[in-house]
């Protein structure tokens, strides 16, 4: 019990560092659009050896900020997953570090079956076990041509807790 109390005390005093994350090979910055949008592609939070990545809603957008695969749900889904993969890779992690996703579909009744098939296939390709916690939501997305958008949370250790290295 004493060790757990010491860990909590150490975490309580640890500095919280945060910074924006991006990967220009797969996505541009939203604030670089002709009509800028004020958000980061993701946020990295480092806390005493634990890193948390908060991946913003990500869709079928290319490195120039253009929507791609218009009208093709499955290809939009795959591009969305590839964009998230690129953001994870830029921070040295993978889908194995994802603990939660929030999945927004423009038309959940029409597209959920294809969504679930593509997600299942992708997660199988990644060898994920356990699967991330997830929620599927019908939503109006930021661009009318987008059919799916996914947010993700990843967590991983970058060092041993309490080692004092940052």
C-alpha atoms as a PDB file:
ATOM      1  CA  UNK A   1       0.000   0.000   0.000  1.00  0.00           C
ATOM      2  CA  UNK A   2       2.886   2.369   0.723  1.00  0.00           C
ATOM      3  CA  UNK A   3       4.322   1.879  -2.777  1.00  0.00           C
ATOM      4  CA  UNK A   4       0.973   2.787  -4.343  1.00  0.00           C
ATOM      5  CA  UNK A   5       0.744   5.940  -2.189  1.00  0.00           C
ATOM      6  CA  UNK A   6       4.282   6.907  -3.261  1.00  0.00           C
ATOM      7  CA  UNK A   7       3.357   6.415  -6.925  1.00  0.00           C
ATOM      8  CA  UNK A   8       0.285   8.620  -6.519  1.00  0.00           C
ATOM      9  CA  UNK A   9       2.358  11.285  -4.782  1.00  0.00           C
ATOM     10  CA  UNK A  10       4.982  11.187  -7.551  1.00  0.00           C
ATOM     11  CA  UNK A  11       2.348  11.448 -10.270  1.00  0.00           C
ATOM     12  CA  UNK A  12       0.683  14.292  -8.406  1.00  0.00           C
ATOM     13  CA  UNK A  13       3.896  16.334  -8.503  1.00  0.00           C
ATOM     14  CA  UNK A  14       4.943  15.443 -12.041  1.00  0.00           C
ATOM     15  CA  UNK A  15       4.800  18.199 -14.644  1.00  0.00           C
ATOM     16  CA  UNK A  16       2.246  17.826 -17.419  1.00  0.00           C
ATOM     17  CA  UNK A  17       3.806  18.549 -20.786  1.00  0.00           C
ATOM     18  CA  UNK A  18       1.724  18.890 -23.916  1.00  0.00           C
ATOM     19  CA  UNK A  19       2.401  19.605 -27.551  1.00  0.00           C
ATOM     20  CA  UNK A  20       0.607  19.356 -30.871  1.00  0.00           C
ATOM     21  CA  UNK A  21       1.319  16.364 -33.094  1.00  0.00           C
ATOM     22  CA  UNK A  22       1.161  16.042 -36.855  1.00  0.00           C
ATOM     23  CA  UNK A  23       2.431  14.051 -39.817  1.00  0.00           C
ATOM     24  CA  UNK A  24       2.676  16.135 -42.992  1.00  0.00           C
ATOM     25  CA  UNK A  25       3.257  13.007 -45.078  1.00  0.00           C
ATOM     26  CA  UNK A  26      -0.411  12.050 -44.617  1.00  0.00           C
ATOM     27  CA  UNK A  27      -2.246  15.176 -43.421  1.00  0.00           C
ATOM     28  CA  UNK A  28      -1.797  18.908 -43.651  1.00  0.00           C
ATOM     29  CA  UNK A  29      -2.572  21.270 -40.810  1.00  0.00           C
ATOM     30  CA  UNK A  30      -6.214  22.339 -40.547  1.00  0.00           C
ATOM     31  CA  UNK A  31      -5.140  25.925 -39.841  1.00  0.00           C
ATOM     32  CA  UNK A  32      -3.461  25.933 -43.305  1.00  0.00           C
ATOM     33  CA  UNK A  33      -6.794  25.574 -45.143  1.00  0.00           C
ATOM     34  CA  UNK A  34      -8.066  28.402 -47.353  1.00  0.00           C
ATOM     35  CA  UNK A  35     -10.685  28.786 -44.616  1.00  0.00           C
ATOM     36  CA  UNK A  36      -8.566  27.909 -41.567  1.00  0.00           C
ATOM     37  CA  UNK A  37      -9.888  25.636 -38.858  1.00  0.00           C
ATOM     38  CA  UNK A  38      -8.513  26.134 -35.363  1.00  0.00           C
ATOM     39  CA  UNK A  39      -7.411  22.736 -34.051  1.00  0.00           C
ATOM     40  CA  UNK A  40      -4.363  20.500 -33.912  1.00  0.00           C
ATOM     41  CA  UNK A  41      -4.362  17.087 -35.608  1.00  0.00           C
ATOM     42  CA  UNK A  42      -3.622  15.698 -32.179  1.00  0.00           C
ATOM     43  CA  UNK A  43      -2.257  16.528 -28.778  1.00  0.00           C
ATOM     44  CA  UNK A  44       0.520  14.669 -26.967  1.00  0.00           C
ATOM     45  CA  UNK A  45       0.432  14.749 -23.198  1.00  0.00           C
ATOM     46  CA  UNK A  46       3.439  13.461 -21.253  1.00  0.00           C
ATOM     47  CA  UNK A  47       3.009  12.758 -17.574  1.00  0.00           C
ATOM     48  CA  UNK A  48       5.769  11.073 -15.622  1.00  0.00           C
ATOM     49  CA  UNK A  49       6.560   8.412 -18.213  1.00  0.00           C
ATOM     50  CA  UNK A  50       2.997   7.952 -19.439  1.00  0.00           C
ATOM     51  CA  UNK A  51       2.140   9.405 -22.838  1.00  0.00           C
ATOM     52  CA  UNK A  52      -1.421  10.044 -23.935  1.00  0.00           C
ATOM     53  CA  UNK A  53      -2.243  10.922 -27.533  1.00  0.00           C
ATOM     54  CA  UNK A  54      -5.560  12.611 -28.250  1.00  0.00           C
ATOM     55  CA  UNK A  55      -6.118  12.267 -32.004  1.00  0.00           C
ATOM     56  CA  UNK A  56      -8.593  14.820 -33.341  1.00  0.00           C
ATOM     57  CA  UNK A  57     -11.407  13.779 -35.625  1.00  0.00           C
ATOM     58  CA  UNK A  58      -9.636  12.396 -38.678  1.00  0.00           C
ATOM     59  CA  UNK A  59     -11.186  11.705 -42.061  1.00  0.00           C
ATOM     60  CA  UNK A  60     -10.345  10.924 -45.686  1.00  0.00           C
ATOM     61  CA  UNK A  61      -8.170  14.028 -46.172  1.00  0.00           C
ATOM     62  CA  UNK A  62      -4.875  14.013 -48.072  1.00  0.00           C
ATOM     63  CA  UNK A  63      -1.592  15.796 -47.403  1.00  0.00           C
ATOM     64  CA  UNK A  64      -2.895  18.848 -49.306  1.00  0.00           C
ATOM     65  CA  UNK A  65      -6.039  19.154 -47.202  1.00  0.00           C
ATOM     66  CA  UNK A  66      -8.277  17.806 -49.974  1.00  0.00           C
ATOM     67  CA  UNK A  67     -11.092  15.321 -49.376  1.00  0.00           C
ATOM     68  CA  UNK A  68     -10.319  12.069 -51.192  1.00  0.00           C
ATOM     69  CA  UNK A  69     -12.387   9.052 -52.283  1.00  0.00           C
ATOM     70  CA  UNK A  70     -15.596  11.069 -52.602  1.00  0.00           C
ATOM     71  CA  UNK A  71     -18.648   8.797 -52.567  1.00  0.00           C
ATOM     72  CA  UNK A  72     -16.710   5.613 -51.681  1.00  0.00           C
ATOM     73  CA  UNK A  73     -17.310   4.783 -48.021  1.00  0.00           C
ATOM     74  CA  UNK A  74     -14.866   1.870 -47.830  1.00  0.00           C
ATOM     75  CA  UNK A  75     -11.991   3.830 -49.391  1.00  0.00           C
ATOM     76  CA  UNK A  76     -12.748   6.822 -47.133  1.00  0.00           C
ATOM     77  CA  UNK A  77     -12.696   4.493 -44.131  1.00  0.00           C
ATOM     78  CA  UNK A  78      -9.356   3.005 -45.185  1.00  0.00           C
ATOM     79  CA  UNK A  79      -7.802   6.455 -45.780  1.00  0.00           C
ATOM     80  CA  UNK A  80      -9.065   7.604 -42.378  1.00  0.00           C
ATOM     81  CA  UNK A  81      -7.425   4.611 -40.685  1.00  0.00           C
ATOM     82  CA  UNK A  82      -4.198   5.215 -42.656  1.00  0.00           C
ATOM     83  CA  UNK A  83      -4.165   8.872 -41.557  1.00  0.00           C
ATOM     84  CA  UNK A  84      -4.522   7.840 -37.913  1.00  0.00           C
ATOM     85  CA  UNK A  85      -1.780   5.235 -38.418  1.00  0.00           C
ATOM     86  CA  UNK A  86       0.501   7.991 -39.738  1.00  0.00           C
ATOM     87  CA  UNK A  87      -0.221  10.233 -36.763  1.00  0.00           C
ATOM     88  CA  UNK A  88       0.501   7.364 -34.365  1.00  0.00           C
ATOM     89  CA  UNK A  89       3.748   6.519 -36.178  1.00  0.00           C
ATOM     90  CA  UNK A  90       4.914  10.136 -35.921  1.00  0.00           C
ATOM     91  CA  UNK A  91       4.859   9.678 -32.139  1.00  0.00           C
ATOM     92  CA  UNK A  92       6.450   6.222 -32.087  1.00  0.00           C
ATOM     93  CA  UNK A  93       3.361   4.153 -31.407  1.00  0.00           C
ATOM     94  CA  UNK A  94       0.835   1.954 -33.201  1.00  0.00           C
ATOM     95  CA  UNK A  95      -2.786   0.859 -33.087  1.00  0.00           C
ATOM     96  CA  UNK A  96      -1.762  -1.477 -30.242  1.00  0.00           C
ATOM     97  CA  UNK A  97      -1.559   1.666 -28.094  1.00  0.00           C
ATOM     98  CA  UNK A  98      -5.116   2.811 -28.950  1.00  0.00           C
ATOM     99  CA  UNK A  99      -7.494   2.464 -26.001  1.00  0.00           C
ATOM    100  CA  UNK A 100     -10.561   4.237 -27.396  1.00  0.00           C
ATOM    101  CA  UNK A 101     -12.116   5.449 -30.631  1.00  0.00           C
ATOM    102  CA  UNK A 102     -15.150   7.601 -31.328  1.00  0.00           C
ATOM    103  CA  UNK A 103     -16.464   6.934 -34.838  1.00  0.00           C
ATOM    104  CA  UNK A 104     -18.754   9.394 -36.597  1.00  0.00           C
ATOM    105  CA  UNK A 105     -20.747   8.234 -39.628  1.00  0.00           C
ATOM    106  CA  UNK A 106     -22.774  10.598 -41.810  1.00  0.00           C
ATOM    107  CA  UNK A 107     -25.419   7.882 -42.373  1.00  0.00           C
ATOM    108  CA  UNK A 108     -25.090   5.134 -39.777  1.00  0.00           C
ATOM    109  CA  UNK A 109     -28.036   3.098 -41.075  1.00  0.00           C
ATOM    110  CA  UNK A 110     -26.644   2.987 -44.620  1.00  0.00           C
ATOM    111  CA  UNK A 111     -22.930   2.635 -43.802  1.00  0.00           C
ATOM    112  CA  UNK A 112     -22.597   0.802 -40.472  1.00  0.00           C
ATOM    113  CA  UNK A 113     -22.266  -2.660 -42.007  1.00  0.00           C
ATOM    114  CA  UNK A 114     -19.458  -1.527 -44.334  1.00  0.00           C
ATOM    115  CA  UNK A 115     -17.895   0.450 -41.469  1.00  0.00           C
ATOM    116  CA  UNK A 116     -17.848  -2.569 -39.174  1.00  0.00           C
ATOM    117  CA  UNK A 117     -16.507  -4.870 -41.907  1.00  0.00           C
ATOM    118  CA  UNK A 118     -13.659  -2.466 -42.746  1.00  0.00           C
ATOM    119  CA  UNK A 119     -12.846  -1.787 -39.091  1.00  0.00           C
ATOM    120  CA  UNK A 120     -12.843  -5.511 -38.278  1.00  0.00           C
ATOM    121  CA  UNK A 121     -10.611  -6.283 -41.271  1.00  0.00           C
ATOM    122  CA  UNK A 122      -8.194  -3.479 -40.322  1.00  0.00           C
ATOM    123  CA  UNK A 123      -8.066  -4.487 -36.645  1.00  0.00           C
ATOM    124  CA  UNK A 124      -7.430  -8.110 -37.692  1.00  0.00           C
ATOM    125  CA  UNK A 125      -4.581  -6.937 -39.958  1.00  0.00           C
ATOM    126  CA  UNK A 126      -3.118  -5.066 -36.982  1.00  0.00           C
ATOM    127  CA  UNK A 127      -3.488  -8.118 -34.711  1.00  0.00           C
ATOM    128  CA  UNK A 128      -5.332  -6.126 -32.056  1.00  0.00           C
ATOM    129  CA  UNK A 129      -6.285  -7.993 -28.901  1.00  0.00           C
ATOM    130  CA  UNK A 130      -7.907  -6.551 -26.919  1.00  0.00           C
ATOM    131  CA  UNK A 131      -9.862  -4.298 -29.232  1.00  0.00           C
ATOM    132  CA  UNK A 132     -10.174  -0.606 -28.328  1.00  0.00           C
ATOM    133  CA  UNK A 133     -13.278   0.662 -26.593  1.00  0.00           C
ATOM    134  CA  UNK A 134     -15.404   2.427 -29.193  1.00  0.00           C
ATOM    135  CA  UNK A 135     -18.576   4.374 -29.852  1.00  0.00           C
ATOM    136  CA  UNK A 136     -20.380   4.747 -33.183  1.00  0.00           C
ATOM    137  CA  UNK A 137     -22.321   7.955 -33.692  1.00  0.00           C
ATOM    138  CA  UNK A 138     -24.325   9.386 -36.570  1.00  0.00           C
ATOM    139  CA  UNK A 139     -23.240  12.974 -37.171  1.00  0.00           C
ATOM    140  CA  UNK A 140     -23.134  15.780 -39.681  1.00  0.00           C
ATOM    141  CA  UNK A 141     -19.440  16.020 -40.529  1.00  0.00           C
ATOM    142  CA  UNK A 142     -17.446  19.164 -41.280  1.00  0.00           C
ATOM    143  CA  UNK A 143     -17.485  18.603 -45.059  1.00  0.00           C
ATOM    144  CA  UNK A 144     -20.557  17.321 -46.902  1.00  0.00           C
ATOM    145  CA  UNK A 145     -18.522  14.826 -48.966  1.00  0.00           C
ATOM    146  CA  UNK A 146     -17.027  13.100 -45.918  1.00  0.00           C
ATOM    147  CA  UNK A 147     -18.773   9.897 -44.827  1.00  0.00           C
ATOM    148  CA  UNK A 148     -16.701   8.889 -41.774  1.00  0.00           C
ATOM    149  CA  UNK A 149     -14.513  10.612 -39.171  1.00  0.00           C
ATOM    150  CA  UNK A 150     -12.685   8.945 -36.277  1.00  0.00           C
ATOM    151  CA  UNK A 151     -11.169  10.292 -33.048  1.00  0.00           C
ATOM    152  CA  UNK A 152      -8.734   8.138 -31.096  1.00  0.00           C
ATOM    153  CA  UNK A 153      -6.973   8.019 -27.747  1.00  0.00           C
ATOM    154  CA  UNK A 154      -3.671   6.181 -27.355  1.00  0.00           C
ATOM    155  CA  UNK A 155      -1.718   5.555 -24.172  1.00  0.00           C
ATOM    156  CA  UNK A 156       1.785   4.176 -23.795  1.00  0.00           C
ATOM    157  CA  UNK A 157       4.766   4.243 -21.474  1.00  0.00           C
ATOM    158  CA  UNK A 158       7.814   6.168 -22.578  1.00  0.00           C
ATOM    159  CA  UNK A 159       9.831   5.379 -19.462  1.00  0.00           C
ATOM    160  CA  UNK A 160       9.511   3.834 -16.040  1.00  0.00           C
ATOM    161  CA  UNK A 161       7.247   5.837 -13.753  1.00  0.00           C
ATOM    162  CA  UNK A 162       9.144   7.805 -11.139  1.00  0.00           C
ATOM    163  CA  UNK A 163      12.533   7.584 -12.884  1.00  0.00           C
ATOM    164  CA  UNK A 164      12.769  11.368 -13.036  1.00  0.00           C
ATOM    165  CA  UNK A 165      13.613  11.352 -16.750  1.00  0.00           C
ATOM    166  CA  UNK A 166      11.451  13.512 -19.028  1.00  0.00           C
END
